[in-house]
């Protein structure tokens, strides 16, 4: 099974850069980048398409691992923010309690 972000447009004279994930059952994914350019004649008729495939599996695996780590860091950061808010509240309550006891019992 090949999943792609490719949307073919034969009339485009631009270079197309497309990333594909090739998934086979019980095998690791393979990632490839396809670079193509279409060549047209003077009547704007497609004459030829030239392309190359590059295996980017290692790069993509690192990219996905980095994305996962960033998501984990974001979760931890939010947890620390909540803990910090709870600590600030506890400190505020303790300070107010201390002032109350000093004012009323000293």
N, C-alpha and C. Protein backbone atom coordinates (compact mmCIF):
# COMPACT_ATOMS: atom_id res chain seq x y z
N UNK A 1 0.84 -1.17 0.00
CA UNK A 1 0.00 0.00 0.00
C UNK A 1 0.89 1.24 0.00
N UNK A 2 0.61 2.18 -0.88
CA UNK A 2 1.36 3.42 -0.96
C UNK A 2 0.44 4.56 -0.58
N UNK A 3 0.88 5.37 0.41
CA UNK A 3 0.11 6.55 0.79
C UNK A 3 0.95 7.75 0.40
N UNK A 4 0.32 8.73 -0.21
CA UNK A 4 1.07 9.84 -0.76
C UNK A 4 0.35 11.15 -0.56
N UNK A 5 1.12 12.23 -0.65
CA UNK A 5 0.54 13.56 -0.65
C UNK A 5 0.53 14.10 -2.08
N UNK A 6 0.67 13.24 -3.05
CA UNK A 6 0.80 13.61 -4.45
C UNK A 6 -0.55 13.90 -5.06
N UNK A 7 -0.66 15.01 -5.72
CA UNK A 7 -1.85 15.30 -6.50
C UNK A 7 -1.37 15.66 -7.90
N UNK A 8 -1.48 14.73 -8.83
CA UNK A 8 -0.87 14.95 -10.14
C UNK A 8 -1.50 16.10 -10.90
N UNK A 9 -0.66 16.85 -11.55
CA UNK A 9 -1.11 17.93 -12.41
C UNK A 9 -0.18 17.94 -13.61
N UNK A 10 -0.60 17.31 -14.67
CA UNK A 10 0.26 17.17 -15.85
C UNK A 10 0.51 18.50 -16.54
N UNK A 11 -0.30 19.51 -16.30
CA UNK A 11 -0.11 20.79 -16.98
C UNK A 11 0.90 21.68 -16.26
N UNK A 12 1.32 21.32 -15.08
CA UNK A 12 2.26 22.12 -14.34
C UNK A 12 3.66 21.94 -14.90
N UNK A 13 4.39 23.04 -15.00
CA UNK A 13 5.77 22.98 -15.46
C UNK A 13 6.73 23.06 -14.28
N UNK A 14 6.21 22.99 -13.11
CA UNK A 14 7.04 23.05 -11.91
C UNK A 14 7.52 21.67 -11.53
N UNK A 15 8.61 21.66 -10.79
CA UNK A 15 9.10 20.41 -10.24
C UNK A 15 8.18 19.99 -9.11
N UNK A 16 7.83 18.72 -9.08
CA UNK A 16 6.99 18.18 -8.02
C UNK A 16 7.86 17.40 -7.04
N UNK A 17 7.73 17.72 -5.76
CA UNK A 17 8.41 16.99 -4.70
C UNK A 17 7.33 16.34 -3.85
N UNK A 18 7.34 15.02 -3.81
CA UNK A 18 6.29 14.28 -3.14
C UNK A 18 6.92 13.25 -2.20
N UNK A 19 6.32 13.09 -1.02
CA UNK A 19 6.77 12.09 -0.07
C UNK A 19 5.76 10.95 -0.02
N UNK A 20 6.26 9.72 -0.12
CA UNK A 20 5.41 8.53 -0.07
C UNK A 20 5.80 7.67 1.13
N UNK A 21 4.80 7.07 1.73
CA UNK A 21 5.04 6.04 2.74
C UNK A 21 4.56 4.73 2.13
N UNK A 22 5.48 3.78 2.02
CA UNK A 22 5.14 2.47 1.49
C UNK A 22 4.98 1.53 2.68
N UNK A 23 3.77 1.02 2.85
CA UNK A 23 3.46 0.16 3.99
C UNK A 23 3.13 -1.23 3.49
N UNK A 24 3.84 -2.21 4.04
CA UNK A 24 3.56 -3.62 3.74
C UNK A 24 3.23 -4.32 5.04
N UNK A 25 2.33 -5.27 5.01
CA UNK A 25 2.00 -6.00 6.24
C UNK A 25 3.25 -6.68 6.82
N UNK A 26 3.41 -6.56 8.12
CA UNK A 26 4.49 -7.23 8.86
C UNK A 26 5.88 -6.78 8.43
N UNK A 27 6.00 -5.60 7.85
CA UNK A 27 7.31 -5.05 7.48
C UNK A 27 7.35 -3.59 7.89
N UNK A 28 8.55 -3.08 8.16
CA UNK A 28 8.64 -1.66 8.52
C UNK A 28 8.28 -0.77 7.32
N UNK A 29 7.80 0.42 7.63
CA UNK A 29 7.48 1.37 6.56
C UNK A 29 8.74 1.78 5.83
N UNK A 30 8.58 2.08 4.56
CA UNK A 30 9.65 2.65 3.75
C UNK A 30 9.15 4.03 3.30
N UNK A 31 9.99 5.03 3.48
CA UNK A 31 9.65 6.38 3.06
C UNK A 31 10.52 6.76 1.87
N UNK A 32 9.90 7.30 0.83
CA UNK A 32 10.65 7.77 -0.33
C UNK A 32 10.17 9.16 -0.71
N UNK A 33 11.09 9.92 -1.30
CA UNK A 33 10.74 11.22 -1.85
C UNK A 33 10.87 11.12 -3.36
N UNK A 34 9.85 11.57 -4.04
CA UNK A 34 9.85 11.54 -5.50
C UNK A 34 9.96 12.97 -6.01
N UNK A 35 10.91 13.20 -6.89
CA UNK A 35 11.08 14.49 -7.54
C UNK A 35 10.81 14.29 -9.03
N UNK A 36 9.86 15.03 -9.58
CA UNK A 36 9.53 14.90 -11.00
C UNK A 36 9.40 16.26 -11.65
N UNK A 37 9.63 16.28 -12.94
CA UNK A 37 9.39 17.47 -13.74
C UNK A 37 8.77 17.01 -15.06
N UNK A 38 7.77 17.73 -15.49
CA UNK A 38 7.10 17.41 -16.75
C UNK A 38 7.64 18.32 -17.85
N UNK A 39 7.83 17.74 -19.01
CA UNK A 39 8.34 18.49 -20.16
C UNK A 39 7.23 18.56 -21.21
N UNK A 40 6.97 19.78 -21.69
CA UNK A 40 5.90 20.02 -22.66
C UNK A 40 6.49 20.54 -23.96
N UNK A 41 5.81 20.27 -25.07
CA UNK A 41 6.23 20.81 -26.35
C UNK A 41 5.65 22.21 -26.53
N UNK A 42 5.86 22.81 -27.70
CA UNK A 42 5.40 24.18 -27.94
C UNK A 42 3.89 24.31 -27.96
N UNK A 43 3.17 23.17 -28.05
CA UNK A 43 1.70 23.19 -28.04
C UNK A 43 1.15 22.89 -26.63
N UNK A 44 2.05 22.89 -25.68
CA UNK A 44 1.72 22.61 -24.29
C UNK A 44 1.19 21.18 -24.09
N UNK A 45 1.69 20.27 -24.91
CA UNK A 45 1.35 18.86 -24.80
C UNK A 45 2.47 18.16 -24.03
N UNK A 46 2.07 17.35 -23.08
CA UNK A 46 3.06 16.63 -22.29
C UNK A 46 3.86 15.70 -23.20
N UNK A 47 5.18 15.84 -23.15
CA UNK A 47 6.06 15.02 -23.97
C UNK A 47 6.75 13.97 -23.12
N UNK A 48 7.17 14.36 -21.93
CA UNK A 48 7.96 13.45 -21.11
C UNK A 48 7.89 13.89 -19.65
N UNK A 49 7.99 12.93 -18.77
CA UNK A 49 8.13 13.20 -17.35
C UNK A 49 9.40 12.53 -16.86
N UNK A 50 10.23 13.31 -16.19
CA UNK A 50 11.49 12.80 -15.66
C UNK A 50 11.40 12.83 -14.14
N UNK A 51 11.87 11.77 -13.51
CA UNK A 51 11.77 11.74 -12.06
C UNK A 51 12.83 10.89 -11.41
N UNK A 52 12.92 11.04 -10.10
CA UNK A 52 13.86 10.26 -9.30
C UNK A 52 13.21 9.95 -7.96
N UNK A 53 13.52 8.78 -7.41
CA UNK A 53 13.08 8.39 -6.08
C UNK A 53 14.29 8.32 -5.16
N UNK A 54 14.12 8.86 -3.95
CA UNK A 54 15.19 8.85 -2.96
C UNK A 54 14.64 8.22 -1.69
N UNK A 55 15.36 7.24 -1.15
CA UNK A 55 14.95 6.60 0.11
C UNK A 55 15.27 7.56 1.25
N UNK A 56 14.22 8.03 1.94
CA UNK A 56 14.39 8.95 3.06
C UNK A 56 13.90 8.31 4.37
N UNK A 57 13.90 6.98 4.41
CA UNK A 57 13.37 6.26 5.57
C UNK A 57 14.08 6.67 6.87
N UNK A 58 15.39 6.71 6.85
CA UNK A 58 16.13 7.04 8.08
C UNK A 58 15.81 8.46 8.54
N UNK A 59 15.79 9.39 7.61
CA UNK A 59 15.46 10.78 7.94
C UNK A 59 14.05 10.89 8.50
N UNK A 60 13.11 10.23 7.85
CA UNK A 60 11.71 10.29 8.27
C UNK A 60 11.53 9.64 9.65
N UNK A 61 12.23 8.53 9.88
CA UNK A 61 12.15 7.88 11.20
C UNK A 61 12.65 8.82 12.30
N UNK A 62 13.77 9.52 12.04
CA UNK A 62 14.27 10.49 13.01
C UNK A 62 13.28 11.63 13.21
N UNK A 63 12.68 12.09 12.12
CA UNK A 63 11.69 13.17 12.19
C UNK A 63 10.49 12.76 13.04
N UNK A 64 10.00 11.55 12.83
CA UNK A 64 8.85 11.07 13.61
C UNK A 64 9.21 10.87 15.08
N UNK A 65 10.41 10.37 15.34
CA UNK A 65 10.86 10.20 16.73
C UNK A 65 10.98 11.57 17.42
N UNK A 66 11.50 12.55 16.71
CA UNK A 66 11.62 13.89 17.27
C UNK A 66 10.24 14.49 17.55
N UNK A 67 9.32 14.28 16.65
CA UNK A 67 7.95 14.76 16.85
C UNK A 67 7.34 14.14 18.09
N UNK A 68 7.55 12.84 18.29
CA UNK A 68 7.02 12.15 19.46
C UNK A 68 7.64 12.71 20.74
N UNK A 69 8.95 12.93 20.73
CA UNK A 69 9.63 13.49 21.90
C UNK A 69 9.11 14.89 22.20
N UNK A 70 8.89 15.70 21.17
CA UNK A 70 8.34 17.05 21.38
C UNK A 70 6.96 16.99 22.01
N UNK A 71 6.14 16.04 21.58
CA UNK A 71 4.82 15.88 22.18
C UNK A 71 4.93 15.47 23.65
N UNK A 72 5.88 14.58 23.96
CA UNK A 72 6.09 14.18 25.35
C UNK A 72 6.56 15.36 26.20
N UNK A 73 7.44 16.18 25.64
CA UNK A 73 7.93 17.36 26.35
C UNK A 73 6.79 18.34 26.61
N UNK A 74 5.91 18.51 25.64
CA UNK A 74 4.76 19.40 25.80
C UNK A 74 3.85 18.91 26.93
N UNK A 75 3.62 17.61 26.99
CA UNK A 75 2.80 17.03 28.06
C UNK A 75 3.44 17.28 29.41
N UNK A 76 4.75 17.01 29.52
CA UNK A 76 5.47 17.24 30.79
C UNK A 76 5.45 18.71 31.17
N UNK A 77 5.62 19.58 30.19
CA UNK A 77 5.60 21.01 30.46
C UNK A 77 4.25 21.43 31.04
N UNK A 78 3.17 20.93 30.48
CA UNK A 78 1.84 21.25 31.01
C UNK A 78 1.65 20.70 32.42
N UNK A 79 2.18 19.49 32.67
CA UNK A 79 2.10 18.92 34.02
C UNK A 79 2.87 19.79 35.02
N UNK A 80 4.06 20.27 34.63
CA UNK A 80 4.85 21.11 35.52
C UNK A 80 4.18 22.45 35.76
N UNK A 81 3.52 22.99 34.74
CA UNK A 81 2.78 24.25 34.93
C UNK A 81 1.68 24.08 35.97
N UNK A 82 0.94 22.97 35.88
CA UNK A 82 -0.12 22.72 36.86
C UNK A 82 0.45 22.55 38.27
N UNK A 83 1.54 21.80 38.38
CA UNK A 83 2.18 21.63 39.69
C UNK A 83 2.66 22.96 40.25
N UNK A 84 3.21 23.80 39.40
CA UNK A 84 3.69 25.10 39.83
C UNK A 84 2.53 25.96 40.33
N UNK A 85 1.39 25.92 39.63
CA UNK A 85 0.22 26.67 40.07
C UNK A 85 -0.27 26.17 41.43
N UNK A 86 -0.25 24.85 41.63
CA UNK A 86 -0.67 24.28 42.92
C UNK A 86 0.28 24.71 44.03
N UNK A 87 1.58 24.73 43.74
CA UNK A 87 2.56 25.17 44.74
C UNK A 87 2.38 26.64 45.08
N UNK A 88 2.16 27.46 44.07
CA UNK A 88 1.95 28.89 44.31
C UNK A 88 0.72 29.12 45.18
N UNK A 89 -0.34 28.36 44.92
CA UNK A 89 -1.55 28.47 45.73
C UNK A 89 -1.27 28.04 47.17
N UNK A 90 -0.56 26.94 47.34
CA UNK A 90 -0.24 26.45 48.69
C UNK A 90 0.62 27.47 49.44
N UNK A 91 1.59 28.05 48.76
CA UNK A 91 2.44 29.07 49.39
C UNK A 91 1.61 30.28 49.79
N UNK A 92 0.72 30.70 48.91
CA UNK A 92 -0.14 31.84 49.21
C UNK A 92 -1.04 31.55 50.41
N UNK A 93 -1.64 30.36 50.45
CA UNK A 93 -2.49 29.99 51.58
C UNK A 93 -1.69 29.92 52.87
N UNK A 94 -0.49 29.37 52.81
CA UNK A 94 0.35 29.27 54.01
C UNK A 94 0.74 30.66 54.51
N UNK A 95 1.08 31.55 53.58
CA UNK A 95 1.47 32.91 53.98
C UNK A 95 0.28 33.63 54.62
N UNK A 96 -0.89 33.49 54.01
CA UNK A 96 -2.08 34.13 54.57
C UNK A 96 -2.44 33.54 55.93
N UNK A 97 -2.31 32.24 56.09
CA UNK A 97 -2.58 31.60 57.38
C UNK A 97 -1.61 32.09 58.44
N UNK A 98 -0.35 32.22 58.07
CA UNK A 98 0.67 32.68 59.01
C UNK A 98 0.36 34.12 59.45
N UNK A 99 -0.03 34.97 58.51
CA UNK A 99 -0.39 36.35 58.86
C UNK A 99 -1.60 36.37 59.78
N UNK A 100 -2.60 35.51 59.51
CA UNK A 100 -3.80 35.45 60.34
C UNK A 100 -3.44 35.07 61.78
N UNK A 101 -2.60 34.05 61.93
CA UNK A 101 -2.25 33.61 63.28
C UNK A 101 -1.39 34.65 63.99
N UNK A 102 -0.50 35.30 63.29
CA UNK A 102 0.32 36.34 63.91
C UNK A 102 -0.55 37.51 64.37
N UNK A 103 -1.53 37.86 63.57
CA UNK A 103 -2.38 39.01 63.87
C UNK A 103 -3.33 38.70 65.02
N UNK A 104 -3.85 37.47 65.11
CA UNK A 104 -4.87 37.15 66.07
C UNK A 104 -4.37 36.45 67.34
N UNK A 105 -3.20 35.89 67.30
CA UNK A 105 -2.75 35.11 68.45
C UNK A 105 -1.42 35.58 69.04
N UNK A 106 -0.88 36.63 68.55
CA UNK A 106 0.38 37.15 69.14
C UNK A 106 0.11 38.21 70.14
